[in-house]
């Protein structure tokens, strides 16, 4: 049920993608306390993007989960920013993350919802 969508203008090679996806999946599972088998990660790389008037490396992320707290959001923001700076050389001040706490009854899976 946790969902993380990463959109970046940084191109990745085929060797970098699986490692990045796995690290983000583990990070989100750990930070939300949810089983990794429910975590969904989406990667959109090499997108045409502009931030603060430049196309220097940047990232925009959407993080949604049932029961997401403000404390978790702050911790996830720090962890993701460090991860992207380390793996993709994107400066933390060029990363925006939008967080959403989605009610279980509005999150569908396996032909039903979580409530």
PDB file of N, CA and C in Angstrom:
ATOM      1  N   UNK A   1       0.791  -1.203   0.000  1.00  0.00           N
ATOM      2  CA  UNK A   1       0.000   0.000   0.000  1.00  0.00           C
ATOM      3  C   UNK A   1       0.831   1.264   0.000  1.00  0.00           C
ATOM      4  N   UNK A   2       2.056   1.284   0.554  1.00  0.00           N
ATOM      5  CA  UNK A   2       2.866   2.483   0.333  1.00  0.00           C
ATOM      6  C   UNK A   2       3.267   2.566  -1.147  1.00  0.00           C
ATOM      7  N   UNK A   3       3.156   3.758  -1.688  1.00  0.00           N
ATOM      8  CA  UNK A   3       3.474   4.002  -3.097  1.00  0.00           C
ATOM      9  C   UNK A   3       4.438   5.178  -3.170  1.00  0.00           C
ATOM     10  N   UNK A   4       5.515   4.985  -3.900  1.00  0.00           N
ATOM     11  CA  UNK A   4       6.481   6.056  -4.114  1.00  0.00           C
ATOM     12  C   UNK A   4       6.717   6.198  -5.605  1.00  0.00           C
ATOM     13  N   UNK A   5       6.477   7.402  -6.107  1.00  0.00           N
ATOM     14  CA  UNK A   5       6.716   7.707  -7.517  1.00  0.00           C
ATOM     15  C   UNK A   5       7.862   8.705  -7.591  1.00  0.00           C
ATOM     16  N   UNK A   6       8.910   8.325  -8.279  1.00  0.00           N
ATOM     17  CA  UNK A   6      10.086   9.179  -8.462  1.00  0.00           C
ATOM     18  C   UNK A   6      10.150   9.625  -9.912  1.00  0.00           C
ATOM     19  N   UNK A   7      10.140  10.930 -10.118  1.00  0.00           N
ATOM     20  CA  UNK A   7      10.341  11.504 -11.448  1.00  0.00           C
ATOM     21  C   UNK A   7      11.585  12.366 -11.372  1.00  0.00           C
ATOM     22  N   UNK A   8      12.510  12.119 -12.294  1.00  0.00           N
ATOM     23  CA  UNK A   8      13.760  12.862 -12.311  1.00  0.00           C
ATOM     24  C   UNK A   8      14.191  13.145 -13.739  1.00  0.00           C
ATOM     25  N   UNK A   9      14.972  14.194 -13.901  1.00  0.00           N
ATOM     26  CA  UNK A   9      15.534  14.493 -15.217  1.00  0.00           C
ATOM     27  C   UNK A   9      16.884  13.803 -15.412  1.00  0.00           C
ATOM     28  N   UNK A  10      17.305  13.066 -14.425  1.00  0.00           N
ATOM     29  CA  UNK A  10      18.582  12.365 -14.482  1.00  0.00           C
ATOM     30  C   UNK A  10      18.422  11.051 -15.235  1.00  0.00           C
ATOM     31  N   UNK A  11      19.224  10.832 -16.283  1.00  0.00           N
ATOM     32  CA  UNK A  11      19.156   9.539 -16.975  1.00  0.00           C
ATOM     33  C   UNK A  11      19.881   8.472 -16.159  1.00  0.00           C
ATOM     34  N   UNK A  12      19.343   7.275 -16.130  1.00  0.00           N
ATOM     35  CA  UNK A  12      19.968   6.167 -15.426  1.00  0.00           C
ATOM     36  C   UNK A  12      20.277   5.052 -16.418  1.00  0.00           C
ATOM     37  N   UNK A  13      21.355   4.346 -16.155  1.00  0.00           N
ATOM     38  CA  UNK A  13      21.634   3.194 -17.009  1.00  0.00           C
ATOM     39  C   UNK A  13      20.925   1.971 -16.435  1.00  0.00           C
ATOM     40  N   UNK A  14      20.881   0.915 -17.205  1.00  0.00           N
ATOM     41  CA  UNK A  14      20.125  -0.275 -16.804  1.00  0.00           C
ATOM     42  C   UNK A  14      20.690  -0.966 -15.573  1.00  0.00           C
ATOM     43  N   UNK A  15      21.929  -0.705 -15.234  1.00  0.00           N
ATOM     44  CA  UNK A  15      22.516  -1.284 -14.033  1.00  0.00           C
ATOM     45  C   UNK A  15      22.103  -0.508 -12.784  1.00  0.00           C
ATOM     46  N   UNK A  16      21.868   0.794 -12.913  1.00  0.00           N
ATOM     47  CA  UNK A  16      21.497   1.629 -11.772  1.00  0.00           C
ATOM     48  C   UNK A  16      20.037   1.463 -11.356  1.00  0.00           C
ATOM     49  N   UNK A  17      19.169   1.224 -12.314  1.00  0.00           N
ATOM     50  CA  UNK A  17      17.730   1.203 -12.043  1.00  0.00           C
ATOM     51  C   UNK A  17      17.316   0.152 -11.006  1.00  0.00           C
ATOM     52  N   UNK A  18      17.693  -1.119 -11.181  1.00  0.00           N
ATOM     53  CA  UNK A  18      17.251  -2.117 -10.194  1.00  0.00           C
ATOM     54  C   UNK A  18      17.750  -1.817  -8.780  1.00  0.00           C
ATOM     55  N   UNK A  19      18.979  -1.341  -8.648  1.00  0.00           N
ATOM     56  CA  UNK A  19      19.531  -1.030  -7.327  1.00  0.00           C
ATOM     57  C   UNK A  19      18.774   0.132  -6.691  1.00  0.00           C
ATOM     58  N   UNK A  20      18.496   1.158  -7.461  1.00  0.00           N
ATOM     59  CA  UNK A  20      17.756   2.310  -6.948  1.00  0.00           C
ATOM     60  C   UNK A  20      16.350   1.894  -6.507  1.00  0.00           C
ATOM     61  N   UNK A  21      15.652   1.137  -7.350  1.00  0.00           N
ATOM     62  CA  UNK A  21      14.307   0.692  -7.021  1.00  0.00           C
ATOM     63  C   UNK A  21      14.295  -0.150  -5.746  1.00  0.00           C
ATOM     64  N   UNK A  22      15.247  -1.058  -5.627  1.00  0.00           N
ATOM     65  CA  UNK A  22      15.308  -1.920  -4.449  1.00  0.00           C
ATOM     66  C   UNK A  22      15.606  -1.110  -3.190  1.00  0.00           C
ATOM     67  N   UNK A  23      16.547  -0.179  -3.278  1.00  0.00           N
ATOM     68  CA  UNK A  23      16.870   0.638  -2.111  1.00  0.00           C
ATOM     69  C   UNK A  23      15.671   1.485  -1.676  1.00  0.00           C
ATOM     70  N   UNK A  24      14.969   2.054  -2.628  1.00  0.00           N
ATOM     71  CA  UNK A  24      13.790   2.860  -2.290  1.00  0.00           C
ATOM     72  C   UNK A  24      12.677   1.993  -1.706  1.00  0.00           C
ATOM     73  N   UNK A  25      12.489   0.798  -2.234  1.00  0.00           N
ATOM     74  CA  UNK A  25      11.475  -0.112  -1.718  1.00  0.00           C
ATOM     75  C   UNK A  25      11.768  -0.483  -0.267  1.00  0.00           C
ATOM     76  N   UNK A  26      13.004  -0.825   0.017  1.00  0.00           N
ATOM     77  CA  UNK A  26      13.394  -1.178   1.381  1.00  0.00           C
ATOM     78  C   UNK A  26      13.269   0.029   2.314  1.00  0.00           C
ATOM     79  N   UNK A  27      13.666   1.192   1.833  1.00  0.00           N
ATOM     80  CA  UNK A  27      13.581   2.415   2.626  1.00  0.00           C
ATOM     81  C   UNK A  27      12.133   2.713   3.021  1.00  0.00           C
ATOM     82  N   UNK A  28      11.220   2.641   2.052  1.00  0.00           N
ATOM     83  CA  UNK A  28       9.814   2.949   2.321  1.00  0.00           C
ATOM     84  C   UNK A  28       9.208   1.909   3.265  1.00  0.00           C
ATOM     85  N   UNK A  29       9.531   0.645   3.081  1.00  0.00           N
ATOM     86  CA  UNK A  29       9.023  -0.395   3.979  1.00  0.00           C
ATOM     87  C   UNK A  29       9.501  -0.141   5.406  1.00  0.00           C
ATOM     88  N   UNK A  30      10.770   0.150   5.556  1.00  0.00           N
ATOM     89  CA  UNK A  30      11.339   0.399   6.876  1.00  0.00           C
ATOM     90  C   UNK A  30      10.725   1.634   7.517  1.00  0.00           C
ATOM     91  N   UNK A  31      10.655   2.717   6.780  1.00  0.00           N
ATOM     92  CA  UNK A  31      10.177   3.986   7.323  1.00  0.00           C
ATOM     93  C   UNK A  31       8.688   3.972   7.676  1.00  0.00           C
ATOM     94  N   UNK A  32       7.884   3.230   6.904  1.00  0.00           N
ATOM     95  CA  UNK A  32       6.445   3.188   7.170  1.00  0.00           C
ATOM     96  C   UNK A  32       6.064   2.042   8.108  1.00  0.00           C
ATOM     97  N   UNK A  33       6.980   1.094   8.282  1.00  0.00           N
ATOM     98  CA  UNK A  33       6.669  -0.070   9.104  1.00  0.00           C
ATOM     99  C   UNK A  33       5.729  -1.044   8.416  1.00  0.00           C
ATOM    100  N   UNK A  34       5.618  -0.941   7.099  1.00  0.00           N
ATOM    101  CA  UNK A  34       4.738  -1.821   6.316  1.00  0.00           C
ATOM    102  C   UNK A  34       5.585  -2.913   5.645  1.00  0.00           C
ATOM    103  N   UNK A  35       5.005  -4.089   5.405  1.00  0.00           N
ATOM    104  CA  UNK A  35       5.741  -5.154   4.723  1.00  0.00           C
ATOM    105  C   UNK A  35       6.144  -4.719   3.309  1.00  0.00           C
ATOM    106  N   UNK A  36       7.350  -5.077   2.919  1.00  0.00           N
ATOM    107  CA  UNK A  36       7.830  -4.672   1.596  1.00  0.00           C
ATOM    108  C   UNK A  36       6.986  -5.281   0.471  1.00  0.00           C
ATOM    109  N   UNK A  37       6.313  -6.409   0.725  1.00  0.00           N
ATOM    110  CA  UNK A  37       5.511  -7.012  -0.340  1.00  0.00           C
ATOM    111  C   UNK A  37       4.275  -6.170  -0.697  1.00  0.00           C
ATOM    112  N   UNK A  38       4.004  -5.095   0.062  1.00  0.00           N
ATOM    113  CA  UNK A  38       2.940  -4.148  -0.276  1.00  0.00           C
ATOM    114  C   UNK A  38       3.472  -2.867  -0.917  1.00  0.00           C
ATOM    115  N   UNK A  39       4.786  -2.669  -0.941  1.00  0.00           N
ATOM    116  CA  UNK A  39       5.383  -1.416  -1.406  1.00  0.00           C
ATOM    117  C   UNK A  39       5.451  -1.395  -2.936  1.00  0.00           C
ATOM    118  N   UNK A  40       5.012  -0.287  -3.520  1.00  0.00           N
ATOM    119  CA  UNK A  40       5.065  -0.081  -4.967  1.00  0.00           C
ATOM    120  C   UNK A  40       5.944   1.133  -5.251  1.00  0.00           C
ATOM    121  N   UNK A  41       6.949   0.939  -6.099  1.00  0.00           N
ATOM    122  CA  UNK A  41       7.859   2.019  -6.495  1.00  0.00           C
ATOM    123  C   UNK A  41       7.734   2.222  -8.002  1.00  0.00           C
ATOM    124  N   UNK A  42       7.582   3.459  -8.415  1.00  0.00           N
ATOM    125  CA  UNK A  42       7.527   3.799  -9.839  1.00  0.00           C
ATOM    126  C   UNK A  42       8.664   4.759 -10.147  1.00  0.00           C
ATOM    127  N   UNK A  43       9.361   4.511 -11.241  1.00  0.00           N
ATOM    128  CA  UNK A  43      10.497   5.345 -11.645  1.00  0.00           C
ATOM    129  C   UNK A  43      10.255   5.922 -13.031  1.00  0.00           C
ATOM    130  N   UNK A  44      10.318   7.249 -13.116  1.00  0.00           N
ATOM    131  CA  UNK A  44      10.258   7.952 -14.393  1.00  0.00           C
ATOM    132  C   UNK A  44      11.539   8.772 -14.494  1.00  0.00           C
ATOM    133  N   UNK A  45      12.455   8.309 -15.313  1.00  0.00           N
ATOM    134  CA  UNK A  45      13.743   8.985 -15.402  1.00  0.00           C
ATOM    135  C   UNK A  45      13.923   9.651 -16.761  1.00  0.00           C
ATOM    136  N   UNK A  46      14.895  10.536 -16.805  1.00  0.00           N
ATOM    137  CA  UNK A  46      15.234  11.276 -18.021  1.00  0.00           C
ATOM    138  C   UNK A  46      14.061  12.132 -18.507  1.00  0.00           C
ATOM    139  N   UNK A  47      13.245  12.633 -17.570  1.00  0.00           N
ATOM    140  CA  UNK A  47      12.101  13.492 -17.903  1.00  0.00           C
ATOM    141  C   UNK A  47      12.572  14.916 -18.182  1.00  0.00           C
ATOM    142  N   UNK A  48      11.808  15.618 -18.974  1.00  0.00           N
ATOM    143  CA  UNK A  48      12.092  17.024 -19.231  1.00  0.00           C
ATOM    144  C   UNK A  48      11.555  17.830 -18.055  1.00  0.00           C
ATOM    145  N   UNK A  49      12.465  18.418 -17.266  1.00  0.00           N
ATOM    146  CA  UNK A  49      12.063  19.119 -16.048  1.00  0.00           C
ATOM    147  C   UNK A  49      12.914  20.364 -15.848  1.00  0.00           C
ATOM    148  N   UNK A  50      12.329  21.336 -15.175  1.00  0.00           N
ATOM    149  CA  UNK A  50      13.018  22.581 -14.845  1.00  0.00           C
ATOM    150  C   UNK A  50      12.646  22.958 -13.420  1.00  0.00           C
ATOM    151  N   UNK A  51      13.628  23.340 -12.627  1.00  0.00           N
ATOM    152  CA  UNK A  51      13.384  23.742 -11.248  1.00  0.00           C
ATOM    153  C   UNK A  51      14.305  24.910 -10.940  1.00  0.00           C
ATOM    154  N   UNK A  52      13.766  25.978 -10.370  1.00  0.00           N
ATOM    155  CA  UNK A  52      14.524  27.186 -10.037  1.00  0.00           C
ATOM    156  C   UNK A  52      15.247  27.742 -11.264  1.00  0.00           C
ATOM    157  N   UNK A  53      14.605  27.591 -12.407  1.00  0.00           N
ATOM    158  CA  UNK A  53      15.131  28.160 -13.634  1.00  0.00           C
ATOM    159  C   UNK A  53      16.235  27.378 -14.303  1.00  0.00           C
ATOM    160  N   UNK A  54      16.595  26.189 -13.765  1.00  0.00           N
ATOM    161  CA  UNK A  54      17.644  25.391 -14.402  1.00  0.00           C
ATOM    162  C   UNK A  54      17.206  23.938 -14.553  1.00  0.00           C
ATOM    163  N   UNK A  55      17.874  23.253 -15.445  1.00  0.00           N
ATOM    164  CA  UNK A  55      17.613  21.828 -15.639  1.00  0.00           C
ATOM    165  C   UNK A  55      18.701  20.973 -14.992  1.00  0.00           C
ATOM    166  N   UNK A  56      19.416  21.546 -14.014  1.00  0.00           N
ATOM    167  CA  UNK A  56      20.383  20.746 -13.258  1.00  0.00           C
ATOM    168  C   UNK A  56      19.639  19.551 -12.659  1.00  0.00           C
ATOM    169  N   UNK A  57      20.356  18.482 -12.298  1.00  0.00           N
ATOM    170  CA  UNK A  57      19.685  17.295 -11.763  1.00  0.00           C
ATOM    171  C   UNK A  57      18.685  17.638 -10.658  1.00  0.00           C
ATOM    172  N   UNK A  58      17.474  17.074 -10.779  1.00  0.00           N
ATOM    173  CA  UNK A  58      16.414  17.325  -9.819  1.00  0.00           C
ATOM    174  C   UNK A  58      15.497  16.124  -9.739  1.00  0.00           C
ATOM    175  N   UNK A  59      14.664  16.114  -8.705  1.00  0.00           N
ATOM    176  CA  UNK A  59      13.704  15.024  -8.537  1.00  0.00           C
ATOM    177  C   UNK A  59      12.432  15.546  -7.895  1.00  0.00           C
ATOM    178  N   UNK A  60      11.320  14.971  -8.308  1.00  0.00           N
ATOM    179  CA  UNK A  60      10.019  15.197  -7.686  1.00  0.00           C
ATOM    180  C   UNK A  60       9.467  13.825  -7.337  1.00  0.00           C
ATOM    181  N   UNK A  61       9.010  13.673  -6.090  1.00  0.00           N
ATOM    182  CA  UNK A  61       8.485  12.397  -5.644  1.00  0.00           C
ATOM    183  C   UNK A  61       7.103  12.567  -5.037  1.00  0.00           C
ATOM    184  N   UNK A  62       6.283  11.533  -5.185  1.00  0.00           N
ATOM    185  CA  UNK A  62       4.991  11.447  -4.520  1.00  0.00           C
ATOM    186  C   UNK A  62       5.046  10.213  -3.638  1.00  0.00           C
ATOM    187  N   UNK A  63       4.757  10.387  -2.366  1.00  0.00           N
ATOM    188  CA  UNK A  63       4.766   9.286  -1.408  1.00  0.00           C
ATOM    189  C   UNK A  63       3.392   9.207  -0.764  1.00  0.00           C
ATOM    190  N   UNK A  64       2.711   8.068  -0.962  1.00  0.00           N
ATOM    191  CA  UNK A  64       1.364   7.889  -0.431  1.00  0.00           C
ATOM    192  C   UNK A  64       1.322   6.601   0.376  1.00  0.00           C
ATOM    193  N   UNK A  65       0.608   6.643   1.487  1.00  0.00           N
ATOM    194  CA  UNK A  65       0.461   5.443   2.300  1.00  0.00           C
ATOM    195  C   UNK A  65      -0.714   5.592   3.246  1.00  0.00           C
ATOM    196  N   UNK A  66      -1.290   4.478   3.616  1.00  0.00           N
ATOM    197  CA  UNK A  66      -2.340   4.466   4.636  1.00  0.00           C
ATOM    198  C   UNK A  66      -1.675   4.741   5.981  1.00  0.00           C
ATOM    199  N   UNK A  67      -2.221   5.692   6.725  1.00  0.00           N
ATOM    200  CA  UNK A  67      -1.729   5.959   8.068  1.00  0.00           C
ATOM    201  C   UNK A  67      -0.409   6.690   8.140  1.00  0.00           C
ATOM    202  N   UNK A  68       0.000   7.356   7.070  1.00  0.00           N
ATOM    203  CA  UNK A  68       1.259   8.098   7.065  1.00  0.00           C
ATOM    204  C   UNK A  68       1.186   9.271   8.031  1.00  0.00           C
ATOM    205  N   UNK A  69       2.169   9.367   8.917  1.00  0.00           N
ATOM    206  CA  UNK A  69       2.181  10.446   9.906  1.00  0.00           C
ATOM    207  C   UNK A  69       3.146  11.550   9.495  1.00  0.00           C
ATOM    208  N   UNK A  70       3.019  12.708  10.126  1.00  0.00           N
ATOM    209  CA  UNK A  70       3.939  13.812   9.843  1.00  0.00           C
ATOM    210  C   UNK A  70       5.359  13.464  10.300  1.00  0.00           C
ATOM    211  N   UNK A  71       5.484  12.693  11.362  1.00  0.00           N
ATOM    212  CA  UNK A  71       6.811  12.267  11.826  1.00  0.00           C
ATOM    213  C   UNK A  71       7.451  11.353  10.790  1.00  0.00           C
ATOM    214  N   UNK A  72       6.678  10.409  10.251  1.00  0.00           N
ATOM    215  CA  UNK A  72       7.195   9.522   9.213  1.00  0.00           C
ATOM    216  C   UNK A  72       7.568  10.316   7.959  1.00  0.00           C
ATOM    217  N   UNK A  73       6.734  11.277   7.576  1.00  0.00           N
ATOM    218  CA  UNK A  73       7.006  12.077   6.375  1.00  0.00           C
ATOM    219  C   UNK A  73       8.339  12.805   6.508  1.00  0.00           C
ATOM    220  N   UNK A  74       8.587  13.381   7.662  1.00  0.00           N
ATOM    221  CA  UNK A  74       9.844  14.098   7.870  1.00  0.00           C
ATOM    222  C   UNK A  74      11.041  13.143   7.783  1.00  0.00           C
ATOM    223  N   UNK A  75      10.925  11.985   8.380  1.00  0.00           N
ATOM    224  CA  UNK A  75      11.998  11.003   8.346  1.00  0.00           C
ATOM    225  C   UNK A  75      12.216  10.454   6.934  1.00  0.00           C
ATOM    226  N   UNK A  76      11.121  10.175   6.232  1.00  0.00           N
ATOM    227  CA  UNK A  76      11.210   9.690   4.849  1.00  0.00           C
ATOM    228  C   UNK A  76      11.856  10.742   3.964  1.00  0.00           C
ATOM    229  N   UNK A  77      11.495  12.003   4.158  1.00  0.00           N
ATOM    230  CA  UNK A  77      12.096  13.089   3.380  1.00  0.00           C
ATOM    231  C   UNK A  77      13.610  13.104   3.541  1.00  0.00           C
ATOM    232  N   UNK A  78      14.066  12.976   4.749  1.00  0.00           N
ATOM    233  CA  UNK A  78      15.502  12.953   5.013  1.00  0.00           C
ATOM    234  C   UNK A  78      16.163  11.736   4.371  1.00  0.00           C
ATOM    235  N   UNK A  79      15.572  10.575   4.558  1.00  0.00           N
ATOM    236  CA  UNK A  79      16.156   9.332   4.030  1.00  0.00           C
ATOM    237  C   UNK A  79      16.203   9.323   2.506  1.00  0.00           C
ATOM    238  N   UNK A  80      15.106   9.727   1.878  1.00  0.00           N
ATOM    239  CA  UNK A  80      15.062   9.745   0.413  1.00  0.00           C
ATOM    240  C   UNK A  80      16.055  10.759  -0.139  1.00  0.00           C
ATOM    241  N   UNK A  81      16.104  11.938   0.468  1.00  0.00           N
ATOM    242  CA  UNK A  81      17.020  12.974  -0.012  1.00  0.00           C
ATOM    243  C   UNK A  81      18.472  12.502   0.065  1.00  0.00           C
ATOM    244  N   UNK A  82      18.825  11.855   1.160  1.00  0.00           N
ATOM    245  CA  UNK A  82      20.186  11.319   1.300  1.00  0.00           C
ATOM    246  C   UNK A  82      20.447  10.237   0.266  1.00  0.00           C
ATOM    247  N   UNK A  83      19.488   9.370   0.047  1.00  0.00           N
ATOM    248  CA  UNK A  83      19.618   8.289  -0.921  1.00  0.00           C
ATOM    249  C   UNK A  83      19.826   8.829  -2.336  1.00  0.00           C
ATOM    250  N   UNK A  84      18.993   9.793  -2.745  1.00  0.00           N
ATOM    251  CA  UNK A  84      19.104  10.334  -4.105  1.00  0.00           C
ATOM    252  C   UNK A  84      20.372  11.155  -4.300  1.00  0.00           C
ATOM    253  N   UNK A  85      20.798  11.832  -3.250  1.00  0.00           N
ATOM    254  CA  UNK A  85      22.052  12.575  -3.349  1.00  0.00           C
ATOM    255  C   UNK A  85      23.214  11.604  -3.510  1.00  0.00           C
ATOM    256  N   UNK A  86      23.193  10.520  -2.781  1.00  0.00           N
ATOM    257  CA  UNK A  86      24.263   9.530  -2.835  1.00  0.00           C
ATOM    258  C   UNK A  86      24.269   8.754  -4.156  1.00  0.00           C
ATOM    259  N   UNK A  87      23.110   8.271  -4.580  1.00  0.00           N
ATOM    260  CA  UNK A  87      23.048   7.412  -5.764  1.00  0.00           C
ATOM    261  C   UNK A  87      22.991   8.160  -7.088  1.00  0.00           C
ATOM    262  N   UNK A  88      22.302   9.316  -7.098  1.00  0.00           N
ATOM    263  CA  UNK A  88      22.092  10.030  -8.364  1.00  0.00           C
ATOM    264  C   UNK A  88      22.761  11.394  -8.422  1.00  0.00           C
ATOM    265  N   UNK A  89      23.440  11.780  -7.362  1.00  0.00           N
ATOM    266  CA  UNK A  89      24.117  13.080  -7.288  1.00  0.00           C
ATOM    267  C   UNK A  89      23.142  14.251  -7.465  1.00  0.00           C
ATOM    268  N   UNK A  90      21.927  14.077  -6.943  1.00  0.00           N
ATOM    269  CA  UNK A  90      20.952  15.162  -6.948  1.00  0.00           C
ATOM    270  C   UNK A  90      21.057  15.866  -5.599  1.00  0.00           C
ATOM    271  N   UNK A  91      21.334  17.159  -5.631  1.00  0.00           N
ATOM    272  CA  UNK A  91      21.448  17.917  -4.384  1.00  0.00           C
ATOM    273  C   UNK A  91      20.108  17.924  -3.660  1.00  0.00           C
ATOM    274  N   UNK A  92      20.161  17.821  -2.343  1.00  0.00           N
ATOM    275  CA  UNK A  92      18.936  17.739  -1.556  1.00  0.00           C
ATOM    276  C   UNK A  92      18.023  18.946  -1.740  1.00  0.00           C
ATOM    277  N   UNK A  93      18.597  20.112  -1.999  1.00  0.00           N
ATOM    278  CA  UNK A  93      17.756  21.296  -2.199  1.00  0.00           C
ATOM    279  C   UNK A  93      17.065  21.300  -3.567  1.00  0.00           C
ATOM    280  N   UNK A  94      17.308  20.263  -4.380  1.00  0.00           N
ATOM    281  CA  UNK A  94      16.654  20.137  -5.687  1.00  0.00           C
ATOM    282  C   UNK A  94      15.716  18.930  -5.707  1.00  0.00           C
ATOM    283  N   UNK A  95      15.233  18.565  -4.528  1.00  0.00           N
ATOM    284  CA  UNK A  95      14.313  17.433  -4.387  1.00  0.00           C
ATOM    285  C   UNK A  95      13.047  17.921  -3.688  1.00  0.00           C
ATOM    286  N   UNK A  96      11.915  17.720  -4.347  1.00  0.00           N
ATOM    287  CA  UNK A  96      10.605  17.991  -3.742  1.00  0.00           C
ATOM    288  C   UNK A  96       9.906  16.654  -3.526  1.00  0.00           C
ATOM    289  N   UNK A  97       9.241  16.522  -2.376  1.00  0.00           N
ATOM    290  CA  UNK A  97       8.489  15.302  -2.078  1.00  0.00           C
ATOM    291  C   UNK A  97       7.095  15.703  -1.594  1.00  0.00           C
ATOM    292  N   UNK A  98       6.089  15.160  -2.229  1.00  0.00           N
ATOM    293  CA  UNK A  98       4.700  15.382  -1.815  1.00  0.00           C
ATOM    294  C   UNK A  98       4.218  14.139  -1.063  1.00  0.00           C
ATOM    295  N   UNK A  99       3.724  14.321   0.155  1.00  0.00           N
ATOM    296  CA  UNK A  99       3.252  13.210   0.978  1.00  0.00           C
ATOM    297  C   UNK A  99       1.732  13.227   1.055  1.00  0.00           C
ATOM    298  N   UNK A 100       1.140  12.032   1.051  1.00  0.00           N
ATOM    299  CA  UNK A 100      -0.309  11.892   1.192  1.00  0.00           C
ATOM    300  C   UNK A 100      -0.615  10.729   2.128  1.00  0.00           C
ATOM    301  N   UNK A 101      -1.490  10.993   3.091  1.00  0.00           N
ATOM    302  CA  UNK A 101      -2.005   9.959   3.963  1.00  0.00           C
ATOM    303  C   UNK A 101      -3.352   9.549   3.384  1.00  0.00           C
ATOM    304  N   UNK A 102      -3.414   8.367   2.811  1.00  0.00           N
ATOM    305  CA  UNK A 102      -4.630   7.911   2.145  1.00  0.00           C
ATOM    306  C   UNK A 102      -5.426   7.005   3.077  1.00  0.00           C
ATOM    307  N   UNK A 103      -6.713   7.284   3.283  1.00  0.00           N
ATOM    308  CA  UNK A 103      -7.538   6.400   4.104  1.00  0.00           C
ATOM    309  C   UNK A 103      -7.630   5.001   3.482  1.00  0.00           C
ATOM    310  N   UNK A 104      -7.629   3.972   4.297  1.00  0.00           N
ATOM    311  CA  UNK A 104      -7.667   2.598   3.816  1.00  0.00           C
ATOM    312  C   UNK A 104      -8.841   2.295   2.911  1.00  0.00           C
ATOM    313  N   UNK A 105      -9.988   2.937   3.176  1.00  0.00           N
ATOM    314  CA  UNK A 105     -11.164   2.678   2.346  1.00  0.00           C
ATOM    315  C   UNK A 105     -11.043   3.277   0.947  1.00  0.00           C
ATOM    316  N   UNK A 106     -10.040   4.119   0.720  1.00  0.00           N
ATOM    317  CA  UNK A 106      -9.791   4.682  -0.610  1.00  0.00           C
ATOM    318  C   UNK A 106      -8.548   4.089  -1.267  1.00  0.00           C
ATOM    319  N   UNK A 107      -8.087   2.949  -0.767  1.00  0.00           N
ATOM    320  CA  UNK A 107      -6.902   2.290  -1.325  1.00  0.00           C
ATOM    321  C   UNK A 107      -7.326   0.883  -1.729  1.00  0.00           C
ATOM    322  N   UNK A 108      -7.435   0.641  -3.037  1.00  0.00           N
ATOM    323  CA  UNK A 108      -7.888  -0.650  -3.535  1.00  0.00           C
ATOM    324  C   UNK A 108      -6.747  -1.622  -3.768  1.00  0.00           C
ATOM    325  N   UNK A 109      -7.035  -2.889  -3.512  1.00  0.00           N
ATOM    326  CA  UNK A 109      -6.061  -3.955  -3.750  1.00  0.00           C
ATOM    327  C   UNK A 109      -6.796  -5.287  -3.724  1.00  0.00           C
ATOM    328  N   UNK A 110      -6.425  -6.161  -4.609  1.00  0.00           N
ATOM    329  CA  UNK A 110      -6.925  -7.531  -4.613  1.00  0.00           C
ATOM    330  C   UNK A 110      -8.454  -7.576  -4.678  1.00  0.00           C
ATOM    331  N   UNK A 111      -9.048  -6.690  -5.450  1.00  0.00           N
ATOM    332  CA  UNK A 111     -10.480  -6.678  -5.662  1.00  0.00           C
ATOM    333  C   UNK A 111     -11.306  -6.050  -4.559  1.00  0.00           C
ATOM    334  N   UNK A 112     -10.638  -5.420  -3.593  1.00  0.00           N
ATOM    335  CA  UNK A 112     -11.356  -4.789  -2.486  1.00  0.00           C
ATOM    336  C   UNK A 112     -10.590  -3.553  -2.041  1.00  0.00           C
ATOM    337  N   UNK A 113     -10.798  -3.126  -0.813  1.00  0.00           N
ATOM    338  CA  UNK A 113     -10.024  -2.032  -0.234  1.00  0.00           C
ATOM    339  C   UNK A 113      -9.455  -2.513   1.087  1.00  0.00           C
ATOM    340  N   UNK A 114      -8.664  -1.665   1.722  1.00  0.00           N
ATOM    341  CA  UNK A 114      -8.051  -2.038   2.991  1.00  0.00           C
ATOM    342  C   UNK A 114      -8.959  -1.808   4.188  1.00  0.00           C
ATOM    343  N   UNK A 115     -10.197  -1.384   3.994  1.00  0.00           N
ATOM    344  CA  UNK A 115     -11.165  -1.262   5.100  1.00  0.00           C
ATOM    345  C   UNK A 115     -12.532  -1.600   4.615  1.00  0.00           C
TER     346      UNK A 115
END
